[in-house]
PDB file of N, CA and C in Angstrom:
ATOM      1  N   MET A   1       6.469 -16.732  -9.866  1.00  0.00           N
ATOM      2  CA  MET A   1       5.976 -15.426 -10.248  1.00  0.00           C
ATOM      3  C   MET A   1       5.991 -14.465  -9.051  1.00  0.00           C
ATOM      4  N   LYS A   2       5.511 -14.962  -7.906  1.00  0.00           N
ATOM      5  CA  LYS A   2       5.458 -14.107  -6.725  1.00  0.00           C
ATOM      6  C   LYS A   2       6.855 -13.689  -6.275  1.00  0.00           C
ATOM      7  N   GLU A   3       7.813 -14.609  -6.368  1.00  0.00           N
ATOM      8  CA  GLU A   3       9.183 -14.281  -5.954  1.00  0.00           C
ATOM      9  C   GLU A   3       9.810 -13.225  -6.865  1.00  0.00           C
ATOM     10  N   SER A   4       9.527 -13.297  -8.160  1.00  0.00           N
ATOM     11  CA  SER A   4      10.086 -12.281  -9.059  1.00  0.00           C
ATOM     12  C   SER A   4       9.440 -10.917  -8.786  1.00  0.00           C
ATOM     13  N   LEU A   5       8.161 -10.894  -8.471  1.00  0.00           N
ATOM     14  CA  LEU A   5       7.516  -9.635  -8.103  1.00  0.00           C
ATOM     15  C   LEU A   5       8.057  -9.106  -6.775  1.00  0.00           C
ATOM     16  N   ARG A   6       8.319 -10.019  -5.830  1.00  0.00           N
ATOM     17  CA  ARG A   6       8.893  -9.608  -4.545  1.00  0.00           C
ATOM     18  C   ARG A   6      10.267  -8.973  -4.743  1.00  0.00           C
ATOM     19  N   LYS A   7      11.068  -9.531  -5.664  1.00  0.00           N
ATOM     20  CA  LYS A   7      12.376  -8.954  -5.956  1.00  0.00           C
ATOM     21  C   LYS A   7      12.241  -7.587  -6.607  1.00  0.00           C
ATOM     22  N   GLY A   8      11.268  -7.469  -7.496  1.00  0.00           N
ATOM     23  CA  GLY A   8      11.055  -6.187  -8.171  1.00  0.00           C
ATOM     24  C   GLY A   8      10.595  -5.081  -7.236  1.00  0.00           C
ATOM     25  N   PHE A   9       9.799  -5.435  -6.239  1.00  0.00           N
ATOM     26  CA  PHE A   9       9.286  -4.456  -5.284  1.00  0.00           C
ATOM     27  C   PHE A   9      10.014  -4.509  -3.952  1.00  0.00           C
ATOM     28  N   SER A  10      11.228  -5.015  -3.947  1.00  0.00           N
ATOM     29  CA  SER A  10      11.977  -5.139  -2.700  1.00  0.00           C
ATOM     30  C   SER A  10      12.263  -3.786  -2.049  1.00  0.00           C
ATOM     31  N   PHE A  11      12.350  -2.729  -2.851  1.00  0.00           N
ATOM     32  CA  PHE A  11      12.591  -1.404  -2.283  1.00  0.00           C
ATOM     33  C   PHE A  11      11.398  -0.935  -1.449  1.00  0.00           C
ATOM     34  N   VAL A  12      10.213  -1.440  -1.721  1.00  0.00           N
ATOM     35  CA  VAL A  12       9.037  -1.109  -0.919  1.00  0.00           C
ATOM     36  C   VAL A  12       8.911  -2.067   0.265  1.00  0.00           C
ATOM     37  N   LEU A  13       9.181  -3.337   0.039  1.00  0.00           N
ATOM     38  CA  LEU A  13       8.976  -4.351   1.068  1.00  0.00           C
ATOM     39  C   LEU A  13      10.075  -4.370   2.137  1.00  0.00           C
ATOM     40  N   ALA A  14      11.305  -4.059   1.771  1.00  0.00           N
ATOM     41  CA  ALA A  14      12.442  -4.188   2.697  1.00  0.00           C
ATOM     42  C   ALA A  14      12.268  -3.411   4.003  1.00  0.00           C
ATOM     43  N   PRO A  15      11.832  -2.153   3.975  1.00  0.00           N
ATOM     44  CA  PRO A  15      11.696  -1.436   5.256  1.00  0.00           C
ATOM     45  C   PRO A  15      10.667  -2.062   6.203  1.00  0.00           C
ATOM     46  N   PHE A  16       9.659  -2.704   5.652  1.00  0.00           N
ATOM     47  CA  PHE A  16       8.614  -3.296   6.484  1.00  0.00           C
ATOM     48  C   PHE A  16       8.976  -4.697   6.979  1.00  0.00           C
ATOM     49  N   GLU A  17       9.886  -5.362   6.295  1.00  0.00           N
ATOM     50  CA  GLU A  17      10.226  -6.738   6.646  1.00  0.00           C
ATOM     51  C   GLU A  17      11.451  -6.861   7.532  1.00  0.00           C
ATOM     52  N   LYS A  18      12.137  -5.767   7.810  1.00  0.00           N
ATOM     53  CA  LYS A  18      13.338  -5.867   8.640  1.00  0.00           C
ATOM     54  C   LYS A  18      12.955  -5.921  10.116  1.00  0.00           C
ATOM     55  N   GLY A  19      13.870  -6.434  10.899  1.00  0.00           N
ATOM     56  CA  GLY A  19      13.653  -6.513  12.335  1.00  0.00           C
ATOM     57  C   GLY A  19      13.545  -7.952  12.807  1.00  0.00           C
ATOM     58  N   GLU A  20      13.827  -8.140  14.071  1.00  0.00           N
ATOM     59  CA  GLU A  20      13.792  -9.475  14.666  1.00  0.00           C
ATOM     60  C   GLU A  20      12.836  -9.558  15.849  1.00  0.00           C
ATOM     61  N   GLU A  21      12.223  -8.436  16.203  1.00  0.00           N
ATOM     62  CA  GLU A  21      11.351  -8.439  17.351  1.00  0.00           C
ATOM     63  C   GLU A  21      10.067  -9.236  17.077  1.00  0.00           C
ATOM     64  N   GLU A  22       9.386  -9.548  18.138  1.00  0.00           N
ATOM     65  CA  GLU A  22       8.167 -10.334  18.035  1.00  0.00           C
ATOM     66  C   GLU A  22       7.048  -9.480  17.434  1.00  0.00           C
ATOM     67  N   TYR A  23       6.134 -10.105  16.732  1.00  0.00           N
ATOM     68  CA  TYR A  23       5.026  -9.384  16.121  1.00  0.00           C
ATOM     69  C   TYR A  23       3.753 -10.218  16.221  1.00  0.00           C
ATOM     70  N   VAL A  24       2.628  -9.548  16.077  1.00  0.00           N
ATOM     71  CA  VAL A  24       1.323 -10.209  16.111  1.00  0.00           C
ATOM     72  C   VAL A  24       0.712 -10.085  14.724  1.00  0.00           C
ATOM     73  N   TYR A  25       0.415 -11.230  14.109  1.00  0.00           N
ATOM     74  CA  TYR A  25      -0.154 -11.236  12.762  1.00  0.00           C
ATOM     75  C   TYR A  25      -1.511 -11.919  12.792  1.00  0.00           C
ATOM     76  N   LYS A  26      -2.484 -11.303  12.143  1.00  0.00           N
ATOM     77  CA  LYS A  26      -3.802 -11.905  11.967  1.00  0.00           C
ATOM     78  C   LYS A  26      -4.122 -11.860  10.475  1.00  0.00           C
ATOM     79  N   PRO A  27      -4.661 -12.936   9.921  1.00  0.00           N
ATOM     80  CA  PRO A  27      -4.991 -12.933   8.484  1.00  0.00           C
ATOM     81  C   PRO A  27      -5.952 -11.815   8.087  1.00  0.00           C
ATOM     82  N   SER A  28      -6.795 -11.396   9.002  1.00  0.00           N
ATOM     83  CA  SER A  28      -7.729 -10.311   8.679  1.00  0.00           C
ATOM     84  C   SER A  28      -6.984  -8.996   8.434  1.00  0.00           C
ATOM     85  N   HIS A  29      -5.819  -8.824   9.051  1.00  0.00           N
ATOM     86  CA  HIS A  29      -5.033  -7.610   8.823  1.00  0.00           C
ATOM     87  C   HIS A  29      -4.627  -7.493   7.358  1.00  0.00           C
ATOM     88  N   ARG A  30      -4.250  -8.610   6.747  1.00  0.00           N
ATOM     89  CA  ARG A  30      -3.852  -8.600   5.338  1.00  0.00           C
ATOM     90  C   ARG A  30      -5.043  -8.237   4.452  1.00  0.00           C
ATOM     91  N   LYS A  31      -6.204  -8.819   4.742  1.00  0.00           N
ATOM     92  CA  LYS A  31      -7.400  -8.543   3.931  1.00  0.00           C
ATOM     93  C   LYS A  31      -7.808  -7.080   4.036  1.00  0.00           C
ATOM     94  N   ILE A  32      -7.792  -6.541   5.240  1.00  0.00           N
ATOM     95  CA  ILE A  32      -8.149  -5.143   5.440  1.00  0.00           C
ATOM     96  C   ILE A  32      -7.139  -4.229   4.754  1.00  0.00           C
ATOM     97  N   LEU A  33      -5.869  -4.572   4.813  1.00  0.00           N
ATOM     98  CA  LEU A  33      -4.827  -3.774   4.169  1.00  0.00           C
ATOM     99  C   LEU A  33      -5.038  -3.722   2.655  1.00  0.00           C
ATOM    100  N   ILE A  34      -5.396  -4.837   2.061  1.00  0.00           N
ATOM    101  CA  ILE A  34      -5.653  -4.875   0.618  1.00  0.00           C
ATOM    102  C   ILE A  34      -6.869  -4.018   0.267  1.00  0.00           C
ATOM    103  N   VAL A  35      -7.928  -4.127   1.057  1.00  0.00           N
ATOM    104  CA  VAL A  35      -9.132  -3.331   0.798  1.00  0.00           C
ATOM    105  C   VAL A  35      -8.831  -1.842   0.934  1.00  0.00           C
ATOM    106  N   ILE A  36      -8.088  -1.464   1.966  1.00  0.00           N
ATOM    107  CA  ILE A  36      -7.720  -0.056   2.149  1.00  0.00           C
ATOM    108  C   ILE A  36      -6.881   0.430   0.968  1.00  0.00           C
ATOM    109  N   GLY A  37      -5.954  -0.407   0.499  1.00  0.00           N
ATOM    110  CA  GLY A  37      -5.144  -0.039  -0.660  1.00  0.00           C
ATOM    111  C   GLY A  37      -5.981   0.172  -1.905  1.00  0.00           C
ATOM    112  N   LEU A  38      -6.948  -0.697  -2.123  1.00  0.00           N
ATOM    113  CA  LEU A  38      -7.827  -0.539  -3.286  1.00  0.00           C
ATOM    114  C   LEU A  38      -8.688   0.718  -3.161  1.00  0.00           C
ATOM    115  N   LEU A  39      -9.143   1.020  -1.951  1.00  0.00           N
ATOM    116  CA  LEU A  39      -9.931   2.236  -1.750  1.00  0.00           C
ATOM    117  C   LEU A  39      -9.102   3.496  -2.009  1.00  0.00           C
ATOM    118  N   PHE A  40      -7.851   3.504  -1.568  1.00  0.00           N
ATOM    119  CA  PHE A  40      -6.990   4.655  -1.841  1.00  0.00           C
ATOM    120  C   PHE A  40      -6.701   4.792  -3.336  1.00  0.00           C
ATOM    121  N   CYS A  41      -6.520   3.681  -4.031  1.00  0.00           N
ATOM    122  CA  CYS A  41      -6.308   3.753  -5.488  1.00  0.00           C
ATOM    123  C   CYS A  41      -7.556   4.284  -6.188  1.00  0.00           C
ATOM    124  N   ALA A  42      -8.733   3.854  -5.730  1.00  0.00           N
ATOM    125  CA  ALA A  42      -9.984   4.362  -6.304  1.00  0.00           C
ATOM    126  C   ALA A  42     -10.135   5.859  -6.026  1.00  0.00           C
ATOM    127  N   LEU A  43      -9.754   6.282  -4.833  1.00  0.00           N
ATOM    128  CA  LEU A  43      -9.806   7.694  -4.489  1.00  0.00           C
ATOM    129  C   LEU A  43      -8.859   8.503  -5.369  1.00  0.00           C
ATOM    130  N   SER A  44      -7.717   7.933  -5.683  1.00  0.00           N
ATOM    131  CA  SER A  44      -6.766   8.593  -6.567  1.00  0.00           C
ATOM    132  C   SER A  44      -7.342   8.752  -7.975  1.00  0.00           C
ATOM    133  N   ILE A  45      -7.987   7.712  -8.457  1.00  0.00           N
ATOM    134  CA  ILE A  45      -8.602   7.772  -9.790  1.00  0.00           C
ATOM    135  C   ILE A  45      -9.737   8.795  -9.811  1.00  0.00           C
ATOM    136  N   ALA A  46     -10.524   8.846  -8.735  1.00  0.00           N
ATOM    137  CA  ALA A  46     -11.602   9.838  -8.655  1.00  0.00           C
ATOM    138  C   ALA A  46     -11.031  11.252  -8.633  1.00  0.00           C
ATOM    139  N   SER A  47      -9.952  11.449  -7.901  1.00  0.00           N
ATOM    140  CA  SER A  47      -9.306  12.766  -7.861  1.00  0.00           C
ATOM    141  C   SER A  47      -8.762  13.150  -9.230  1.00  0.00           C
ATOM    142  N   LEU A  48      -8.192  12.173  -9.924  1.00  0.00           N
ATOM    143  CA  LEU A  48      -7.671  12.428 -11.266  1.00  0.00           C
ATOM    144  C   LEU A  48      -8.791  12.839 -12.218  1.00  0.00           C
ATOM    145  N   SER A  49      -9.896  12.116 -12.177  1.00  0.00           N
ATOM    146  CA  SER A  49     -10.996  12.436 -13.094  1.00  0.00           C
ATOM    147  C   SER A  49     -11.589  13.812 -12.792  1.00  0.00           C
ATOM    148  N   LEU A  50     -11.711  14.163 -11.513  1.00  0.00           N
ATOM    149  CA  LEU A  50     -12.240  15.487 -11.174  1.00  0.00           C
ATOM    150  C   LEU A  50     -11.254  16.591 -11.526  1.00  0.00           C
ATOM    151  N   SER A  51      -9.969  16.339 -11.360  1.00  0.00           N
ATOM    152  CA  SER A  51      -8.962  17.340 -11.724  1.00  0.00           C
ATOM    153  C   SER A  51      -8.965  17.596 -13.229  1.00  0.00           C
ATOM    154  N   VAL A  52      -9.136  16.548 -14.002  1.00  0.00           N
ATOM    155  CA  VAL A  52      -9.189  16.708 -15.455  1.00  0.00           C
ATOM    156  C   VAL A  52     -10.479  17.418 -15.857  1.00  0.00           C
ATOM    157  N   LYS A  53     -11.590  17.032 -15.233  1.00  0.00           N
ATOM    158  CA  LYS A  53     -12.883  17.623 -15.579  1.00  0.00           C
ATOM    159  C   LYS A  53     -12.901  19.122 -15.319  1.00  0.00           C
ATOM    160  N   PHE A  54     -12.344  19.539 -14.187  1.00  0.00           N
ATOM    161  CA  PHE A  54     -12.372  20.947 -13.830  1.00  0.00           C
ATOM    162  C   PHE A  54     -11.075  21.678 -14.170  1.00  0.00           C
ATOM    163  N   SER A  55     -10.138  21.019 -14.841  1.00  0.00           N
ATOM    164  CA  SER A  55      -8.861  21.605 -15.267  1.00  0.00           C
ATOM    165  C   SER A  55      -8.112  22.259 -14.114  1.00  0.00           C
ATOM    166  N   GLU A  56      -8.046  21.552 -13.000  1.00  0.00           N
ATOM    167  CA  GLU A  56      -7.356  22.058 -11.811  1.00  0.00           C
ATOM    168  C   GLU A  56      -6.023  21.351 -11.640  1.00  0.00           C
ATOM    169  N   VAL A  57      -4.954  22.120 -11.595  1.00  0.00           N
ATOM    170  CA  VAL A  57      -3.621  21.562 -11.414  1.00  0.00           C
ATOM    171  C   VAL A  57      -3.377  21.215  -9.940  1.00  0.00           C
ATOM    172  N   GLY A  58      -4.117  21.852  -9.040  1.00  0.00           N
ATOM    173  CA  GLY A  58      -3.956  21.618  -7.613  1.00  0.00           C
ATOM    174  C   GLY A  58      -4.342  20.214  -7.187  1.00  0.00           C
ATOM    175  N   GLY A  59      -4.995  19.482  -8.051  1.00  0.00           N
ATOM    176  CA  GLY A  59      -5.391  18.117  -7.728  1.00  0.00           C
ATOM    177  C   GLY A  59      -4.266  17.110  -7.857  1.00  0.00           C
ATOM    178  N   VAL A  60      -3.104  17.552  -8.294  1.00  0.00           N
ATOM    179  CA  VAL A  60      -1.982  16.633  -8.489  1.00  0.00           C
ATOM    180  C   VAL A  60      -1.473  16.081  -7.153  1.00  0.00           C
ATOM    181  N   ILE A  61      -1.447  16.909  -6.135  1.00  0.00           N
ATOM    182  CA  ILE A  61      -0.929  16.465  -4.832  1.00  0.00           C
ATOM    183  C   ILE A  61      -1.785  15.350  -4.246  1.00  0.00           C
ATOM    184  N   PRO A  62      -3.116  15.488  -4.163  1.00  0.00           N
ATOM    185  CA  PRO A  62      -3.908  14.370  -3.634  1.00  0.00           C
ATOM    186  C   PRO A  62      -3.811  13.114  -4.497  1.00  0.00           C
ATOM    187  N   ILE A  63      -3.705  13.295  -5.798  1.00  0.00           N
ATOM    188  CA  ILE A  63      -3.593  12.137  -6.681  1.00  0.00           C
ATOM    189  C   ILE A  63      -2.326  11.358  -6.354  1.00  0.00           C
ATOM    190  N   VAL A  64      -1.215  12.039  -6.242  1.00  0.00           N
ATOM    191  CA  VAL A  64       0.062  11.380  -5.966  1.00  0.00           C
ATOM    192  C   VAL A  64       0.064  10.736  -4.583  1.00  0.00           C
ATOM    193  N   VAL A  65      -0.445  11.446  -3.586  1.00  0.00           N
ATOM    194  CA  VAL A  65      -0.450  10.920  -2.218  1.00  0.00           C
ATOM    195  C   VAL A  65      -1.353   9.696  -2.115  1.00  0.00           C
ATOM    196  N   PHE A  66      -2.587   9.797  -2.622  1.00  0.00           N
ATOM    197  CA  PHE A  66      -3.516   8.672  -2.531  1.00  0.00           C
ATOM    198  C   PHE A  66      -3.003   7.467  -3.317  1.00  0.00           C
ATOM    199  N   LEU A  67      -2.417   7.712  -4.486  1.00  0.00           N
ATOM    200  CA  LEU A  67      -1.892   6.608  -5.280  1.00  0.00           C
ATOM    201  C   LEU A  67      -0.705   5.945  -4.590  1.00  0.00           C
ATOM    202  N   ALA A  68       0.180   6.742  -4.011  1.00  0.00           N
ATOM    203  CA  ALA A  68       1.344   6.171  -3.315  1.00  0.00           C
ATOM    204  C   ALA A  68       0.913   5.332  -2.121  1.00  0.00           C
ATOM    205  N   VAL A  69       0.002   5.846  -1.319  1.00  0.00           N
ATOM    206  CA  VAL A  69      -0.482   5.090  -0.152  1.00  0.00           C
ATOM    207  C   VAL A  69      -1.188   3.819  -0.600  1.00  0.00           C
ATOM    208  N   GLY A  70      -2.016   3.923  -1.618  1.00  0.00           N
ATOM    209  CA  GLY A  70      -2.733   2.751  -2.119  1.00  0.00           C
ATOM    210  C   GLY A  70      -1.807   1.685  -2.673  1.00  0.00           C
ATOM    211  N   LEU A  71      -0.802   2.096  -3.419  1.00  0.00           N
ATOM    212  CA  LEU A  71       0.128   1.125  -3.989  1.00  0.00           C
ATOM    213  C   LEU A  71       0.978   0.448  -2.919  1.00  0.00           C
ATOM    214  N   VAL A  72       1.432   1.218  -1.928  1.00  0.00           N
ATOM    215  CA  VAL A  72       2.220   0.616  -0.847  1.00  0.00           C
ATOM    216  C   VAL A  72       1.367  -0.395  -0.080  1.00  0.00           C
ATOM    217  N   CYS A  73       0.133  -0.032   0.237  1.00  0.00           N
ATOM    218  CA  CYS A  73      -0.757  -0.968   0.945  1.00  0.00           C
ATOM    219  C   CYS A  73      -1.003  -2.230   0.124  1.00  0.00           C
ATOM    220  N   ASP A  74      -1.239  -2.087  -1.164  1.00  0.00           N
ATOM    221  CA  ASP A  74      -1.510  -3.257  -2.003  1.00  0.00           C
ATOM    222  C   ASP A  74      -0.265  -4.111  -2.207  1.00  0.00           C
ATOM    223  N   ILE A  75       0.878  -3.493  -2.386  1.00  0.00           N
ATOM    224  CA  ILE A  75       2.119  -4.262  -2.558  1.00  0.00           C
ATOM    225  C   ILE A  75       2.420  -5.061  -1.301  1.00  0.00           C
ATOM    226  N   VAL A  76       2.321  -4.421  -0.134  1.00  0.00           N
ATOM    227  CA  VAL A  76       2.576  -5.137   1.114  1.00  0.00           C
ATOM    228  C   VAL A  76       1.488  -6.183   1.358  1.00  0.00           C
ATOM    229  N   GLY A  77       0.254  -5.851   1.041  1.00  0.00           N
ATOM    230  CA  GLY A  77      -0.844  -6.789   1.254  1.00  0.00           C
ATOM    231  C   GLY A  77      -0.753  -8.027   0.379  1.00  0.00           C
ATOM    232  N   PHE A  78      -0.395  -7.854  -0.883  1.00  0.00           N
ATOM    233  CA  PHE A  78      -0.339  -8.990  -1.804  1.00  0.00           C
ATOM    234  C   PHE A  78       0.993  -9.737  -1.751  1.00  0.00           C
ATOM    235  N   LEU A  79       2.099  -9.016  -1.572  1.00  0.00           N
ATOM    236  CA  LEU A  79       3.422  -9.632  -1.702  1.00  0.00           C
ATOM    237  C   LEU A  79       4.206  -9.720  -0.396  1.00  0.00           C
ATOM    238  N   GLY A  80       3.815  -8.967   0.610  1.00  0.00           N
ATOM    239  CA  GLY A  80       4.591  -8.892   1.837  1.00  0.00           C
ATOM    240  C   GLY A  80       4.461 -10.115   2.723  1.00  0.00           C
ATOM    241  N   THR A  81       5.449 -10.281   3.590  1.00  0.00           N
ATOM    242  CA  THR A  81       5.427 -11.363   4.564  1.00  0.00           C
ATOM    243  C   THR A  81       4.499 -10.978   5.713  1.00  0.00           C
ATOM    244  N   GLU A  82       4.313 -11.920   6.625  1.00  0.00           N
ATOM    245  CA  GLU A  82       3.491 -11.638   7.794  1.00  0.00           C
ATOM    246  C   GLU A  82       4.095 -10.502   8.613  1.00  0.00           C
ATOM    247  N   ARG A  83       5.414 -10.455   8.691  1.00  0.00           N
ATOM    248  CA  ARG A  83       6.096  -9.390   9.432  1.00  0.00           C
ATOM    249  C   ARG A  83       5.802  -8.025   8.811  1.00  0.00           C
ATOM    250  N   ALA A  84       5.803  -7.945   7.488  1.00  0.00           N
ATOM    251  CA  ALA A  84       5.547  -6.672   6.815  1.00  0.00           C
ATOM    252  C   ALA A  84       4.137  -6.183   7.105  1.00  0.00           C
ATOM    253  N   VAL A  85       3.171  -7.084   7.063  1.00  0.00           N
ATOM    254  CA  VAL A  85       1.790  -6.704   7.352  1.00  0.00           C
ATOM    255  C   VAL A  85       1.659  -6.262   8.801  1.00  0.00           C
ATOM    256  N   ALA A  86       2.281  -6.995   9.712  1.00  0.00           N
ATOM    257  CA  ALA A  86       2.226  -6.639  11.129  1.00  0.00           C
ATOM    258  C   ALA A  86       2.935  -5.309  11.390  1.00  0.00           C
ATOM    259  N   THR A  87       3.984  -5.011  10.650  1.00  0.00           N
ATOM    260  CA  THR A  87       4.696  -3.747  10.815  1.00  0.00           C
ATOM    261  C   THR A  87       3.823  -2.579  10.392  1.00  0.00           C
ATOM    262  N   ILE A  88       3.087  -2.731   9.305  1.00  0.00           N
ATOM    263  CA  ILE A  88       2.185  -1.667   8.876  1.00  0.00           C
ATOM    264  C   ILE A  88       1.133  -1.408   9.938  1.00  0.00           C
ATOM    265  N   TRP A  89       0.645  -2.479  10.553  1.00  0.00           N
ATOM    266  CA  TRP A  89      -0.380  -2.354  11.599  1.00  0.00           C
ATOM    267  C   TRP A  89       0.244  -1.994  12.941  1.00  0.00           C
ATOM    268  N   LYS A  90       1.563  -1.970  13.046  1.00  0.00           N
ATOM    269  CA  LYS A  90       2.276  -1.713  14.304  1.00  0.00           C
ATOM    270  C   LYS A  90       1.870  -2.721  15.372  1.00  0.00           C
ATOM    271  N   SER A  91       1.705  -3.982  14.967  1.00  0.00           N
ATOM    272  CA  SER A  91       1.321  -5.052  15.889  1.00  0.00           C
ATOM    273  C   SER A  91       2.552  -5.687  16.497  1.00  0.00           C
ATOM    274  N   LYS A  92       2.806  -5.402  17.745  1.00  0.00           N
ATOM    275  CA  LYS A  92       3.969  -5.959  18.427  1.00  0.00           C
ATOM    276  C   LYS A  92       3.550  -6.583  19.710  1.00  0.00           C
TER     277      LYS A  92
END
Protein backbone atom coordinates (compact mmCIF):
# COMPACT_ATOMS: atom_id res chain seq x y z
CA MET A 1 0.00 0.00 0.00
CA LYS A 2 2.76 2.43 0.95
CA GLU A 3 4.66 1.76 -2.29
CA SER A 4 1.59 2.47 -4.42
CA LEU A 5 1.04 5.74 -2.55
CA ARG A 6 4.73 6.60 -3.00
CA LYS A 7 4.34 6.07 -6.75
CA GLY A 8 1.22 8.21 -6.83
CA PHE A 9 2.91 11.07 -4.99
CA SER A 10 6.28 10.71 -6.68
CA PHE A 11 5.95 14.18 -8.21
CA VAL A 12 6.03 15.60 -4.66
CA LEU A 13 8.63 13.22 -3.22
CA ALA A 14 11.16 13.19 -6.10
CA PRO A 15 12.61 16.69 -5.58
CA PHE A 16 13.25 15.97 -1.90
CA GLU A 17 14.73 12.50 -2.39
CA LYS A 18 17.31 13.31 -5.06
CA GLY A 19 20.96 13.80 -4.29
CA GLU A 20 23.87 11.76 -3.04
CA GLU A 21 25.34 14.05 -0.42
CA GLU A 22 25.45 13.14 3.23
CA TYR A 23 22.49 14.05 5.43
CA VAL A 24 21.54 14.03 9.11
CA TYR A 25 18.25 12.32 9.98
CA LYS A 26 16.56 12.19 13.37
CA PRO A 27 13.24 10.38 13.94
CA SER A 28 11.94 13.43 15.79
CA HIS A 29 12.24 15.44 12.56
CA ARG A 30 9.64 13.19 10.91
CA LYS A 31 7.24 13.52 13.86
CA ILE A 32 7.57 17.29 13.96
CA LEU A 33 7.09 17.50 10.19
CA ILE A 34 3.84 15.53 10.42
CA VAL A 35 2.56 17.72 13.27
CA ILE A 36 3.44 20.90 11.35
CA GLY A 37 1.64 19.52 8.29
CA LEU A 38 -1.48 18.77 10.30
CA LEU A 39 -1.39 22.25 11.84
CA PHE A 40 -1.15 23.88 8.41
CA CYS A 41 -4.08 21.76 7.16
CA ALA A 42 -6.11 22.81 10.21
CA LEU A 43 -5.20 26.43 9.54
CA SER A 44 -6.39 26.01 5.97
CA ILE A 45 -9.72 24.61 7.14
CA ALA A 46 -10.10 27.48 9.62
CA SER A 47 -9.38 29.99 6.85
CA LEU A 48 -11.92 28.28 4.62
CA SER A 49 -14.63 28.38 7.28
CA LEU A 50 -13.99 32.06 8.03
CA SER A 51 -13.94 32.95 4.33
CA VAL A 52 -17.29 31.24 3.83
CA LYS A 53 -18.76 32.80 6.98
CA PHE A 54 -17.81 36.33 5.99
CA SER A 55 -18.21 35.78 2.20
CA GLU A 56 -14.67 36.98 1.49
CA VAL A 57 -13.04 35.90 -1.75
CA GLY A 58 -9.66 37.21 -0.55
CA GLY A 59 -9.35 34.21 1.74
CA VAL A 60 -8.64 31.91 -1.19
CA ILE A 61 -4.91 32.69 -1.26
CA PRO A 62 -4.22 31.71 2.38
CA ILE A 63 -6.38 28.62 2.00
CA VAL A 64 -4.41 27.41 -1.02
CA VAL A 65 -1.01 28.26 0.47
CA PHE A 66 -1.70 26.69 3.88
CA LEU A 67 -3.22 23.59 2.30
CA ALA A 68 -0.31 23.15 -0.12
CA VAL A 69 2.30 23.50 2.63
CA GLY A 70 0.37 21.17 4.92
CA LEU A 71 -0.08 18.50 2.27
CA VAL A 72 3.58 18.59 1.21
CA CYS A 73 4.70 18.28 4.85
CA ASP A 74 2.31 15.38 5.49
CA ILE A 75 3.16 13.55 2.27
CA VAL A 76 6.90 13.79 2.96
CA GLY A 77 6.37 12.99 6.64
CA PHE A 78 4.25 9.89 6.07
CA LEU A 79 5.66 8.57 2.77
CA GLY A 80 9.10 10.13 2.32
CA THR A 81 12.46 8.52 2.88
CA GLU A 82 14.90 9.66 5.52
CA ARG A 83 16.67 11.74 2.86
CA ALA A 84 13.43 13.55 1.98
CA VAL A 85 12.77 14.45 5.61
CA ALA A 86 16.36 15.60 6.08
CA THR A 87 16.13 17.69 2.90
CA ILE A 88 13.07 19.52 4.19
CA TRP A 89 14.95 20.25 7.41
CA LYS A 90 18.10 21.16 5.40
CA SER A 91 20.08 18.75 7.61
CA LYS A 92 23.45 18.17 6.00
